[in-house]
Each structure stands twice: as C-alpha cells, then as structure tokens.
Amino acid sequence: MNQDRQNMNKDSEKKKMMHRDTERQRRQEMAALCASLRSLLPLEYIKGKRAVSEHVDGAVNHIKDLQKRTEELSAKRDELKKLSGFEEARSRNSLPTSAVVKPCFGGFEVVISTGIGVQALRLSRVLKLLLEEGLDVVNCISTKVDGGFIHTIQSQVINDLTSVDPYTLQQKLNEDVPSSS
C-alpha cells in the first residue's frame, strides 16, 4: 500500500510539473504575442502604458481609428468621383473634361477630370494658368481611370489668400481646359 501511495505521489508530481511547464510556455507565448502587438502600434497608443490589457485596449482603439479613417477616405473618394463626373462618364467609357476648385490649407485643391485622346488635357497649360493666377503648385497627382485621368493639384497662394477667387478660377479652368489640347 505504501508503494501505491508513492506511485500516486509521483504521478501527481509529474502532472503538476507538466501543468507548470505548460502554463509557463503559455505565458511566454502570450508575452511574445503581446510584444509583437505592441511593436505594431503607433507610439500614441502605447505611450506610458505598461499592462497588457492597456496595450490590447490601445490596439482596439487603433483599429477603430483605422476603420473610421477608411470610411472617411471612402466617402472622400466617392465625393471626388461624383465631382469629376466619373460615374456618368464610366457609362460612356470616357471622362468629360471638367475642373473643380476647393479651398484648402492656405491654398486650393484643383481636381480635373479629362478623357484620353485628341481632346486630352495638357497639364502644363493648367499649371501655367495656376501660376498666372498667383498659385504655387505644391503637389500634383494624376490617376488613370477608365477612359481618362483625374488630376488632383494642391496649391498654395503666393501672396494674399483673398487675391484668388475659387469660383473665378474654376470658371477659367473649365473654359480653358477643353481648349488646351
């Protein structure tokens, strides 16, 4: 009977050791995963936080912020498509040439949609016109879409912000752009 008790104690000790080892391995794995998660988060989400639960909370907040930003960018993309005539032009497989001017950050954002071919836009003419109007081009992005291009031009006012009227500028671009080919 004494022998049976010793065997049971040995089995019990083995189970305890296996449980401890398994639990230690689980904690090490969790620590590695948390470190990996922490390394993926921007500093503003982990600043001063030490507890794992705070890092997980920071990750949740970061994901929510990314989802919100994605929704905002999708809405902006849809607005730009609408402004550029993209949807109706897609059905005709050719973009009409049009310009939209919006105030932004000490200057203006100009969005121009145009088709491809004989009536294609000469971007250099648009940039020259913006310069003549007192705008300094900061950034210009051209995106190819079905049947044409969408050009997004960011500009800053060289002298006085009140010296440039966005409505007049938009009219000039819409009058001049089709004839600039």
C-alpha atoms as a PDB file:
ATOM      1  CA  MET A   1       0.000   0.000   0.000  1.00  0.00           C
ATOM      2  CA  ASN A   2       2.891   2.294   0.744  1.00  0.00           C
ATOM      3  CA  GLN A   3       4.201   1.594  -2.764  1.00  0.00           C
ATOM      4  CA  ASP A   4       0.838   2.608  -4.312  1.00  0.00           C
ATOM      5  CA  ARG A   5       0.877   5.869  -2.364  1.00  0.00           C
ATOM      6  CA  GLN A   6       4.398   6.655  -3.577  1.00  0.00           C
ATOM      7  CA  ASN A   7       3.383   5.930  -7.191  1.00  0.00           C
ATOM      8  CA  MET A   8       0.333   8.208  -6.812  1.00  0.00           C
ATOM      9  CA  ASN A   9       2.537  10.966  -5.367  1.00  0.00           C
ATOM     10  CA  LYS A  10       4.978  10.574  -8.265  1.00  0.00           C
ATOM     11  CA  ASP A  11       2.115  10.728 -10.781  1.00  0.00           C
ATOM     12  CA  SER A  12       0.715  13.764  -9.020  1.00  0.00           C
ATOM     13  CA  GLU A  13       4.129  15.476  -9.052  1.00  0.00           C
ATOM     14  CA  LYS A  14       4.542  14.684 -12.778  1.00  0.00           C
ATOM     15  CA  LYS A  15       1.118  16.183 -13.523  1.00  0.00           C
ATOM     16  CA  LYS A  16       1.962  19.301 -11.504  1.00  0.00           C
ATOM     17  CA  MET A  17       5.295  19.686 -13.302  1.00  0.00           C
ATOM     18  CA  MET A  18       3.648  19.189 -16.697  1.00  0.00           C
ATOM     19  CA  HIS A  19       0.964  21.708 -15.768  1.00  0.00           C
ATOM     20  CA  ARG A  20       3.626  24.234 -14.627  1.00  0.00           C
ATOM     21  CA  ASP A  21       5.624  23.735 -17.820  1.00  0.00           C
ATOM     22  CA  THR A  22       2.530  24.083 -19.986  1.00  0.00           C
ATOM     23  CA  GLU A  23       1.465  27.212 -18.104  1.00  0.00           C
ATOM     24  CA  ARG A  24       4.986  28.715 -18.323  1.00  0.00           C
ATOM     25  CA  GLN A  25       5.044  28.030 -22.079  1.00  0.00           C
ATOM     26  CA  ARG A  26       1.586  29.638 -22.453  1.00  0.00           C
ATOM     27  CA  ARG A  27       2.726  32.760 -20.551  1.00  0.00           C
ATOM     28  CA  GLN A  28       5.884  33.020 -22.670  1.00  0.00           C
ATOM     29  CA  GLU A  29       3.835  32.679 -25.846  1.00  0.00           C
ATOM     30  CA  MET A  30       1.369  35.349 -24.651  1.00  0.00           C
ATOM     31  CA  ALA A  31       4.246  37.670 -23.730  1.00  0.00           C
ATOM     32  CA  ALA A  32       5.764  37.226 -27.205  1.00  0.00           C
ATOM     33  CA  LEU A  33       2.409  37.858 -28.897  1.00  0.00           C
ATOM     34  CA  CYS A  34       1.803  40.967 -26.778  1.00  0.00           C
ATOM     35  CA  ALA A  35       5.274  42.270 -27.616  1.00  0.00           C
ATOM     36  CA  SER A  36       4.536  41.685 -31.297  1.00  0.00           C
ATOM     37  CA  LEU A  37       1.207  43.535 -30.993  1.00  0.00           C
ATOM     38  CA  ARG A  38       2.882  46.399 -29.103  1.00  0.00           C
ATOM     39  CA  SER A  39       5.532  46.730 -31.836  1.00  0.00           C
ATOM     40  CA  LEU A  40       2.792  47.217 -34.463  1.00  0.00           C
ATOM     41  CA  LEU A  41       1.026  50.034 -32.617  1.00  0.00           C
ATOM     42  CA  PRO A  42       1.890  53.704 -33.172  1.00  0.00           C
ATOM     43  CA  LEU A  43       3.526  55.336 -30.143  1.00  0.00           C
ATOM     44  CA  GLU A  44       0.460  57.419 -29.322  1.00  0.00           C
ATOM     45  CA  TYR A  45      -1.459  54.220 -28.489  1.00  0.00           C
ATOM     46  CA  ILE A  46       1.167  52.737 -26.145  1.00  0.00           C
ATOM     47  CA  LYS A  47       2.711  55.832 -24.566  1.00  0.00           C
ATOM     48  CA  GLY A  48       3.145  55.260 -20.832  1.00  0.00           C
ATOM     49  CA  LYS A  49       1.151  52.044 -20.800  1.00  0.00           C
ATOM     50  CA  ARG A  50       2.616  49.004 -19.091  1.00  0.00           C
ATOM     51  CA  ALA A  51      -0.192  46.493 -18.603  1.00  0.00           C
ATOM     52  CA  VAL A  52      -1.033  44.028 -21.359  1.00  0.00           C
ATOM     53  CA  SER A  53      -4.712  44.944 -21.071  1.00  0.00           C
ATOM     54  CA  GLU A  54      -3.822  48.591 -21.816  1.00  0.00           C
ATOM     55  CA  HIS A  55      -1.935  47.513 -24.939  1.00  0.00           C
ATOM     56  CA  VAL A  56      -4.883  45.422 -26.106  1.00  0.00           C
ATOM     57  CA  ASP A  57      -7.163  48.394 -25.445  1.00  0.00           C
ATOM     58  CA  GLY A  58      -4.755  50.588 -27.435  1.00  0.00           C
ATOM     59  CA  ALA A  59      -4.888  48.088 -30.319  1.00  0.00           C
ATOM     60  CA  VAL A  60      -8.694  48.156 -30.251  1.00  0.00           C
ATOM     61  CA  ASN A  61      -8.671  51.970 -30.347  1.00  0.00           C
ATOM     62  CA  HIS A  62      -6.142  51.965 -33.184  1.00  0.00           C
ATOM     63  CA  ILE A  63      -8.270  49.549 -35.213  1.00  0.00           C
ATOM     64  CA  LYS A  64     -11.373  51.679 -34.610  1.00  0.00           C
ATOM     65  CA  ASP A  65      -9.455  54.788 -35.724  1.00  0.00           C
ATOM     66  CA  LEU A  66      -8.269  52.966 -38.868  1.00  0.00           C
ATOM     67  CA  GLN A  67     -11.831  51.892 -39.647  1.00  0.00           C
ATOM     68  CA  LYS A  68     -13.045  55.471 -39.206  1.00  0.00           C
ATOM     69  CA  ARG A  69     -10.247  56.787 -41.433  1.00  0.00           C
ATOM     70  CA  THR A  70     -11.094  54.164 -44.072  1.00  0.00           C
ATOM     71  CA  GLU A  71     -14.735  55.264 -44.042  1.00  0.00           C
ATOM     72  CA  GLU A  72     -13.693  58.927 -44.344  1.00  0.00           C
ATOM     73  CA  LEU A  73     -11.378  58.165 -47.260  1.00  0.00           C
ATOM     74  CA  SER A  74     -14.078  56.097 -48.981  1.00  0.00           C
ATOM     75  CA  ALA A  75     -16.514  58.991 -48.613  1.00  0.00           C
ATOM     76  CA  LYS A  76     -13.913  61.415 -49.983  1.00  0.00           C
ATOM     77  CA  ARG A  77     -13.201  59.063 -52.913  1.00  0.00           C
ATOM     78  CA  ASP A  78     -16.934  58.862 -53.659  1.00  0.00           C
ATOM     79  CA  GLU A  79     -17.211  62.653 -53.485  1.00  0.00           C
ATOM     80  CA  LEU A  80     -14.276  63.079 -55.871  1.00  0.00           C
ATOM     81  CA  LYS A  81     -15.791  60.563 -58.263  1.00  0.00           C
ATOM     82  CA  LYS A  82     -19.052  62.472 -58.141  1.00  0.00           C
ATOM     83  CA  LEU A  83     -17.347  65.852 -58.614  1.00  0.00           C
ATOM     84  CA  SER A  84     -15.266  64.622 -61.511  1.00  0.00           C
ATOM     85  CA  GLY A  85     -18.214  63.137 -63.351  1.00  0.00           C
ATOM     86  CA  PHE A  86     -16.652  59.693 -63.025  1.00  0.00           C
ATOM     87  CA  GLU A  87     -19.879  57.720 -62.597  1.00  0.00           C
ATOM     88  CA  GLU A  88     -21.766  59.069 -65.591  1.00  0.00           C
ATOM     89  CA  ALA A  89     -18.611  59.102 -67.725  1.00  0.00           C
ATOM     90  CA  ARG A  90     -17.934  55.473 -66.902  1.00  0.00           C
ATOM     91  CA  SER A  91     -21.172  54.512 -68.619  1.00  0.00           C
ATOM     92  CA  ARG A  92     -19.969  56.363 -71.750  1.00  0.00           C
ATOM     93  CA  ASN A  93     -16.445  54.933 -71.224  1.00  0.00           C
ATOM     94  CA  SER A  94     -14.942  58.400 -71.497  1.00  0.00           C
ATOM     95  CA  LEU A  95     -14.480  61.151 -68.945  1.00  0.00           C
ATOM     96  CA  PRO A  96     -15.689  64.669 -69.703  1.00  0.00           C
ATOM     97  CA  THR A  97     -13.166  67.401 -69.154  1.00  0.00           C
ATOM     98  CA  SER A  98     -14.081  69.416 -66.082  1.00  0.00           C
ATOM     99  CA  ALA A  99     -12.412  71.249 -63.209  1.00  0.00           C
ATOM    100  CA  VAL A 100     -13.460  71.742 -59.576  1.00  0.00           C
ATOM    101  CA  VAL A 101     -11.668  74.176 -57.241  1.00  0.00           C
ATOM    102  CA  LYS A 102     -11.937  73.895 -53.439  1.00  0.00           C
ATOM    103  CA  PRO A 103     -10.167  75.962 -50.769  1.00  0.00           C
ATOM    104  CA  CYS A 104      -7.761  74.009 -48.542  1.00  0.00           C
ATOM    105  CA  PHE A 105      -4.755  74.648 -46.237  1.00  0.00           C
ATOM    106  CA  GLY A 106      -3.750  78.153 -47.278  1.00  0.00           C
ATOM    107  CA  GLY A 107      -4.431  77.473 -50.932  1.00  0.00           C
ATOM    108  CA  PHE A 108      -6.659  75.480 -53.215  1.00  0.00           C
ATOM    109  CA  GLU A 109      -7.196  71.917 -54.368  1.00  0.00           C
ATOM    110  CA  VAL A 110      -7.976  71.605 -58.058  1.00  0.00           C
ATOM    111  CA  VAL A 111      -9.494  68.356 -59.314  1.00  0.00           C
ATOM    112  CA  ILE A 112      -9.569  67.963 -63.086  1.00  0.00           C
ATOM    113  CA  SER A 113     -11.040  65.020 -64.933  1.00  0.00           C
ATOM    114  CA  THR A 114     -10.283  64.518 -68.579  1.00  0.00           C
ATOM    115  CA  GLY A 115     -10.540  61.937 -71.321  1.00  0.00           C
ATOM    116  CA  ILE A 116      -7.790  60.323 -73.352  1.00  0.00           C
ATOM    117  CA  GLY A 117      -7.109  61.096 -76.978  1.00  0.00           C
ATOM    118  CA  VAL A 118      -7.379  64.139 -79.198  1.00  0.00           C
ATOM    119  CA  GLN A 119      -9.187  66.195 -76.548  1.00  0.00           C
ATOM    120  CA  ALA A 120      -6.702  65.113 -73.852  1.00  0.00           C
ATOM    121  CA  LEU A 121      -5.654  67.715 -71.320  1.00  0.00           C
ATOM    122  CA  ARG A 122      -2.253  69.347 -71.480  1.00  0.00           C
ATOM    123  CA  LEU A 123      -1.408  69.526 -67.802  1.00  0.00           C
ATOM    124  CA  SER A 124       1.366  72.040 -68.418  1.00  0.00           C
ATOM    125  CA  ARG A 125      -1.259  74.567 -69.604  1.00  0.00           C
ATOM    126  CA  VAL A 126      -3.241  74.123 -66.370  1.00  0.00           C
ATOM    127  CA  LEU A 127      -0.131  74.530 -64.211  1.00  0.00           C
ATOM    128  CA  LYS A 128       0.803  77.682 -66.138  1.00  0.00           C
ATOM    129  CA  LEU A 129      -2.691  79.104 -65.612  1.00  0.00           C
ATOM    130  CA  LEU A 130      -2.488  78.411 -61.861  1.00  0.00           C
ATOM    131  CA  LEU A 131       0.845  80.211 -61.695  1.00  0.00           C
ATOM    132  CA  GLU A 132      -0.613  83.175 -63.584  1.00  0.00           C
ATOM    133  CA  GLU A 133      -3.417  83.314 -61.003  1.00  0.00           C
ATOM    134  CA  GLY A 134      -0.891  83.618 -58.140  1.00  0.00           C
ATOM    135  CA  LEU A 135      -0.824  79.992 -57.029  1.00  0.00           C
ATOM    136  CA  ASP A 136       2.257  77.900 -56.352  1.00  0.00           C
ATOM    137  CA  VAL A 137       1.747  74.197 -57.153  1.00  0.00           C
ATOM    138  CA  VAL A 138       2.777  72.064 -54.176  1.00  0.00           C
ATOM    139  CA  ASN A 139       1.636  68.633 -55.301  1.00  0.00           C
ATOM    140  CA  CYS A 140       0.094  67.095 -58.409  1.00  0.00           C
ATOM    141  CA  ILE A 141      -1.227  63.554 -58.579  1.00  0.00           C
ATOM    142  CA  SER A 142      -2.596  62.026 -61.767  1.00  0.00           C
ATOM    143  CA  THR A 143      -4.692  58.880 -61.589  1.00  0.00           C
ATOM    144  CA  LYS A 144      -5.651  56.863 -64.636  1.00  0.00           C
ATOM    145  CA  VAL A 145      -9.266  55.727 -64.619  1.00  0.00           C
ATOM    146  CA  ASP A 146     -11.447  54.075 -67.248  1.00  0.00           C
ATOM    147  CA  GLY A 147     -11.461  56.372 -70.243  1.00  0.00           C
ATOM    148  CA  GLY A 148      -9.281  59.146 -68.849  1.00  0.00           C
ATOM    149  CA  PHE A 149      -7.393  60.739 -65.990  1.00  0.00           C
ATOM    150  CA  ILE A 150      -8.177  62.535 -62.747  1.00  0.00           C
ATOM    151  CA  HIS A 151      -5.577  65.144 -61.837  1.00  0.00           C
ATOM    152  CA  THR A 152      -5.528  66.421 -58.243  1.00  0.00           C
ATOM    153  CA  ILE A 153      -3.431  69.544 -57.820  1.00  0.00           C
ATOM    154  CA  GLN A 154      -2.634  71.024 -54.394  1.00  0.00           C
ATOM    155  CA  SER A 155      -1.559  74.663 -54.474  1.00  0.00           C
ATOM    156  CA  GLN A 156      -0.682  77.491 -52.109  1.00  0.00           C
ATOM    157  CA  VAL A 157      -1.383  81.158 -52.614  1.00  0.00           C
ATOM    158  CA  ILE A 158       1.852  83.041 -53.307  1.00  0.00           C
ATOM    159  CA  ASN A 159       0.773  86.424 -51.905  1.00  0.00           C
ATOM    160  CA  ASP A 160      -2.651  87.006 -50.352  1.00  0.00           C
ATOM    161  CA  LEU A 161      -5.327  84.308 -49.949  1.00  0.00           C
ATOM    162  CA  THR A 162      -8.078  86.851 -50.674  1.00  0.00           C
ATOM    163  CA  SER A 163      -6.497  87.721 -54.039  1.00  0.00           C
ATOM    164  CA  VAL A 164      -7.668  84.429 -55.573  1.00  0.00           C
ATOM    165  CA  ASP A 165     -11.365  83.731 -56.078  1.00  0.00           C
ATOM    166  CA  PRO A 166     -12.026  79.960 -56.307  1.00  0.00           C
ATOM    167  CA  TYR A 167     -15.218  80.428 -58.343  1.00  0.00           C
ATOM    168  CA  THR A 168     -13.483  82.596 -60.951  1.00  0.00           C
ATOM    169  CA  LEU A 169     -10.525  80.218 -61.049  1.00  0.00           C
ATOM    170  CA  GLN A 170     -12.857  77.257 -61.595  1.00  0.00           C
ATOM    171  CA  GLN A 171     -14.612  79.134 -64.432  1.00  0.00           C
ATOM    172  CA  LYS A 172     -11.296  79.955 -66.103  1.00  0.00           C
ATOM    173  CA  LEU A 173     -10.133  76.345 -65.837  1.00  0.00           C
ATOM    174  CA  ASN A 174     -13.402  74.986 -67.222  1.00  0.00           C
ATOM    175  CA  GLU A 175     -13.258  77.457 -70.116  1.00  0.00           C
ATOM    176  CA  ASP A 176      -9.564  76.973 -70.801  1.00  0.00           C
ATOM    177  CA  VAL A 177      -9.079  73.263 -70.119  1.00  0.00           C
ATOM    178  CA  PRO A 178     -11.079  71.907 -73.095  1.00  0.00           C
ATOM    179  CA  SER A 179      -9.255  74.262 -75.471  1.00  0.00           C
ATOM    180  CA  SER A 180      -5.825  73.399 -74.097  1.00  0.00           C
ATOM    181  CA  SER A 181      -5.409  70.270 -76.188  1.00  0.00           C
END
